[in-house]
N, C-alpha and C. Protein backbone atom coordinates (compact mmCIF):
# COMPACT_ATOMS: atom_id res chain seq x y z
N UNK A 1 -83.78 -118.51 -60.01
CA UNK A 1 -84.57 -119.12 -58.97
C UNK A 1 -85.91 -118.40 -58.90
N UNK A 2 -86.98 -119.14 -58.80
CA UNK A 2 -88.33 -118.61 -58.78
C UNK A 2 -88.77 -118.34 -57.35
N UNK A 3 -89.67 -117.36 -57.16
CA UNK A 3 -90.20 -117.14 -55.82
C UNK A 3 -91.05 -118.32 -55.36
N UNK A 4 -90.99 -118.61 -54.08
CA UNK A 4 -91.72 -119.76 -53.54
C UNK A 4 -93.20 -119.46 -53.43
N UNK A 5 -93.53 -118.24 -52.98
CA UNK A 5 -94.94 -117.87 -52.84
C UNK A 5 -95.21 -116.58 -53.60
N UNK A 6 -96.45 -116.42 -54.03
CA UNK A 6 -96.85 -115.22 -54.74
C UNK A 6 -96.91 -114.05 -53.75
N UNK A 7 -96.38 -112.90 -54.19
CA UNK A 7 -96.45 -111.70 -53.38
C UNK A 7 -97.83 -111.07 -53.56
N UNK A 8 -98.50 -110.83 -52.46
CA UNK A 8 -99.86 -110.30 -52.53
C UNK A 8 -99.87 -108.85 -52.98
N UNK A 9 -101.02 -108.38 -53.44
CA UNK A 9 -101.16 -106.99 -53.86
C UNK A 9 -100.90 -106.04 -52.70
N UNK A 10 -101.37 -106.44 -51.53
CA UNK A 10 -101.18 -105.60 -50.35
C UNK A 10 -99.70 -105.44 -50.02
N UNK A 11 -98.96 -106.51 -50.08
CA UNK A 11 -97.53 -106.47 -49.78
C UNK A 11 -96.78 -105.65 -50.83
N UNK A 12 -97.14 -105.81 -52.08
CA UNK A 12 -96.50 -105.06 -53.16
C UNK A 12 -96.78 -103.57 -53.01
N UNK A 13 -98.02 -103.22 -52.75
CA UNK A 13 -98.39 -101.81 -52.64
C UNK A 13 -97.83 -101.17 -51.38
N UNK A 14 -97.70 -101.94 -50.31
CA UNK A 14 -97.07 -101.42 -49.09
C UNK A 14 -95.60 -101.11 -49.35
N UNK A 15 -94.93 -101.95 -50.10
CA UNK A 15 -93.53 -101.73 -50.42
C UNK A 15 -93.36 -100.49 -51.30
N UNK A 16 -94.31 -100.26 -52.19
CA UNK A 16 -94.23 -99.14 -53.12
C UNK A 16 -94.80 -97.84 -52.56
N UNK A 17 -95.15 -97.82 -51.30
CA UNK A 17 -95.78 -96.63 -50.72
C UNK A 17 -94.85 -95.42 -50.74
N UNK A 18 -93.55 -95.63 -50.76
CA UNK A 18 -92.59 -94.52 -50.73
C UNK A 18 -92.02 -94.20 -52.10
N UNK A 19 -92.58 -94.77 -53.17
CA UNK A 19 -92.06 -94.55 -54.51
C UNK A 19 -92.70 -93.36 -55.21
N UNK A 20 -93.54 -92.62 -54.53
CA UNK A 20 -94.24 -91.50 -55.16
C UNK A 20 -93.25 -90.39 -55.51
N UNK A 21 -93.53 -89.68 -56.61
CA UNK A 21 -92.70 -88.55 -57.00
C UNK A 21 -93.01 -87.35 -56.12
N UNK A 22 -91.98 -86.62 -55.79
CA UNK A 22 -92.17 -85.41 -54.98
C UNK A 22 -92.16 -84.20 -55.90
N UNK A 23 -92.93 -83.15 -55.58
CA UNK A 23 -92.95 -81.98 -56.45
C UNK A 23 -91.61 -81.24 -56.42
N UNK A 24 -91.28 -80.60 -57.54
CA UNK A 24 -90.04 -79.86 -57.65
C UNK A 24 -90.18 -78.54 -56.90
N UNK A 25 -89.20 -78.22 -56.07
CA UNK A 25 -89.22 -76.97 -55.32
C UNK A 25 -88.55 -75.88 -56.15
N UNK A 26 -89.32 -74.88 -56.53
CA UNK A 26 -88.78 -73.75 -57.27
C UNK A 26 -88.56 -72.60 -56.31
N UNK A 27 -87.57 -71.76 -56.63
CA UNK A 27 -87.36 -70.53 -55.89
C UNK A 27 -87.47 -69.37 -56.87
N UNK A 28 -87.51 -68.17 -56.36
CA UNK A 28 -87.68 -66.99 -57.19
C UNK A 28 -86.32 -66.31 -57.37
N UNK A 29 -86.01 -65.94 -58.59
CA UNK A 29 -84.76 -65.22 -58.86
C UNK A 29 -84.83 -63.85 -58.21
N UNK A 30 -83.77 -63.46 -57.50
CA UNK A 30 -83.78 -62.19 -56.79
C UNK A 30 -83.64 -61.00 -57.72
N UNK A 31 -83.11 -61.25 -58.92
CA UNK A 31 -82.88 -60.14 -59.84
C UNK A 31 -84.06 -59.89 -60.78
N UNK A 32 -84.57 -60.96 -61.42
CA UNK A 32 -85.63 -60.75 -62.41
C UNK A 32 -87.00 -61.26 -61.94
N UNK A 33 -87.05 -62.06 -60.87
CA UNK A 33 -88.33 -62.53 -60.34
C UNK A 33 -88.86 -63.77 -61.02
N UNK A 34 -88.10 -64.34 -61.95
CA UNK A 34 -88.53 -65.55 -62.64
C UNK A 34 -88.29 -66.76 -61.74
N UNK A 35 -89.02 -67.85 -61.98
CA UNK A 35 -88.83 -69.05 -61.17
C UNK A 35 -87.60 -69.80 -61.66
N UNK A 36 -86.86 -70.40 -60.71
CA UNK A 36 -85.64 -71.13 -61.04
C UNK A 36 -85.45 -72.24 -60.01
N UNK A 37 -84.58 -73.18 -60.33
CA UNK A 37 -84.25 -74.22 -59.37
C UNK A 37 -83.31 -73.65 -58.31
N UNK A 38 -83.43 -74.09 -57.06
CA UNK A 38 -82.52 -73.59 -56.03
C UNK A 38 -81.10 -74.06 -56.28
N UNK A 39 -80.13 -73.24 -55.91
CA UNK A 39 -78.70 -73.53 -56.07
C UNK A 39 -78.31 -73.69 -57.53
N UNK A 40 -79.01 -72.98 -58.42
CA UNK A 40 -78.70 -73.02 -59.84
C UNK A 40 -78.87 -71.62 -60.42
N UNK A 41 -78.16 -71.36 -61.51
CA UNK A 41 -78.26 -70.05 -62.16
C UNK A 41 -79.63 -69.91 -62.82
N UNK A 42 -80.11 -68.68 -62.87
CA UNK A 42 -81.40 -68.39 -63.48
C UNK A 42 -81.29 -68.57 -64.99
N UNK A 43 -82.26 -69.23 -65.58
CA UNK A 43 -82.26 -69.45 -67.02
C UNK A 43 -82.64 -68.21 -67.80
N UNK A 44 -83.26 -67.25 -67.15
CA UNK A 44 -83.71 -66.04 -67.83
C UNK A 44 -82.62 -64.97 -67.87
N UNK A 45 -82.01 -64.68 -66.72
CA UNK A 45 -81.02 -63.60 -66.67
C UNK A 45 -79.61 -64.08 -66.34
N UNK A 46 -79.42 -65.33 -65.89
CA UNK A 46 -78.09 -65.85 -65.58
C UNK A 46 -77.59 -65.50 -64.20
N UNK A 47 -78.42 -64.91 -63.37
CA UNK A 47 -78.02 -64.50 -62.03
C UNK A 47 -77.95 -65.72 -61.11
N UNK A 48 -76.87 -65.78 -60.30
CA UNK A 48 -76.75 -66.88 -59.32
C UNK A 48 -76.73 -66.34 -57.91
N UNK A 49 -75.79 -65.47 -57.60
CA UNK A 49 -75.78 -64.75 -56.32
C UNK A 49 -75.09 -63.40 -56.53
N UNK A 50 -74.85 -62.66 -55.47
CA UNK A 50 -74.31 -61.32 -55.61
C UNK A 50 -72.95 -61.29 -56.31
N UNK A 51 -72.14 -62.33 -56.09
CA UNK A 51 -70.78 -62.34 -56.61
C UNK A 51 -70.67 -63.02 -57.97
N UNK A 52 -71.59 -63.92 -58.30
CA UNK A 52 -71.47 -64.73 -59.50
C UNK A 52 -72.68 -64.50 -60.40
N UNK A 53 -72.43 -64.29 -61.68
CA UNK A 53 -73.51 -64.26 -62.66
C UNK A 53 -72.95 -64.80 -63.98
N UNK A 54 -73.83 -65.33 -64.81
CA UNK A 54 -73.43 -65.95 -66.06
C UNK A 54 -73.99 -65.12 -67.20
N UNK A 55 -73.17 -64.86 -68.22
CA UNK A 55 -73.62 -64.11 -69.39
C UNK A 55 -74.41 -65.06 -70.29
N UNK A 56 -75.65 -64.69 -70.60
CA UNK A 56 -76.50 -65.51 -71.45
C UNK A 56 -76.75 -64.75 -72.75
N UNK A 57 -76.47 -65.40 -73.89
CA UNK A 57 -76.73 -64.79 -75.19
C UNK A 57 -78.22 -64.89 -75.48
N UNK A 58 -78.82 -63.74 -75.81
CA UNK A 58 -80.26 -63.74 -76.10
C UNK A 58 -80.48 -63.55 -77.60
N UNK A 59 -79.84 -64.40 -78.40
CA UNK A 59 -80.01 -64.33 -79.84
C UNK A 59 -81.19 -65.19 -80.27
N UNK A 60 -81.86 -64.76 -81.31
CA UNK A 60 -82.98 -65.53 -81.83
C UNK A 60 -82.46 -66.76 -82.56
N UNK A 61 -83.12 -67.89 -82.35
CA UNK A 61 -82.71 -69.12 -83.03
C UNK A 61 -83.09 -69.03 -84.49
N UNK A 62 -82.14 -69.36 -85.37
CA UNK A 62 -82.42 -69.26 -86.80
C UNK A 62 -82.69 -70.60 -87.42
């Protein structure tokens, strides 16, 4: 089924006003000071919180 009337530019842009991308919020790792996503393990050192940490292999890619 086709639309009965053409949607105006104003109506289309008003509808899309909330479609903007929001910036990513980074936090600082408490152990190494590198930036990381909140609620995620650090990609540099593997630290998550005081009780949990992940072992990361730092081997050179061959």
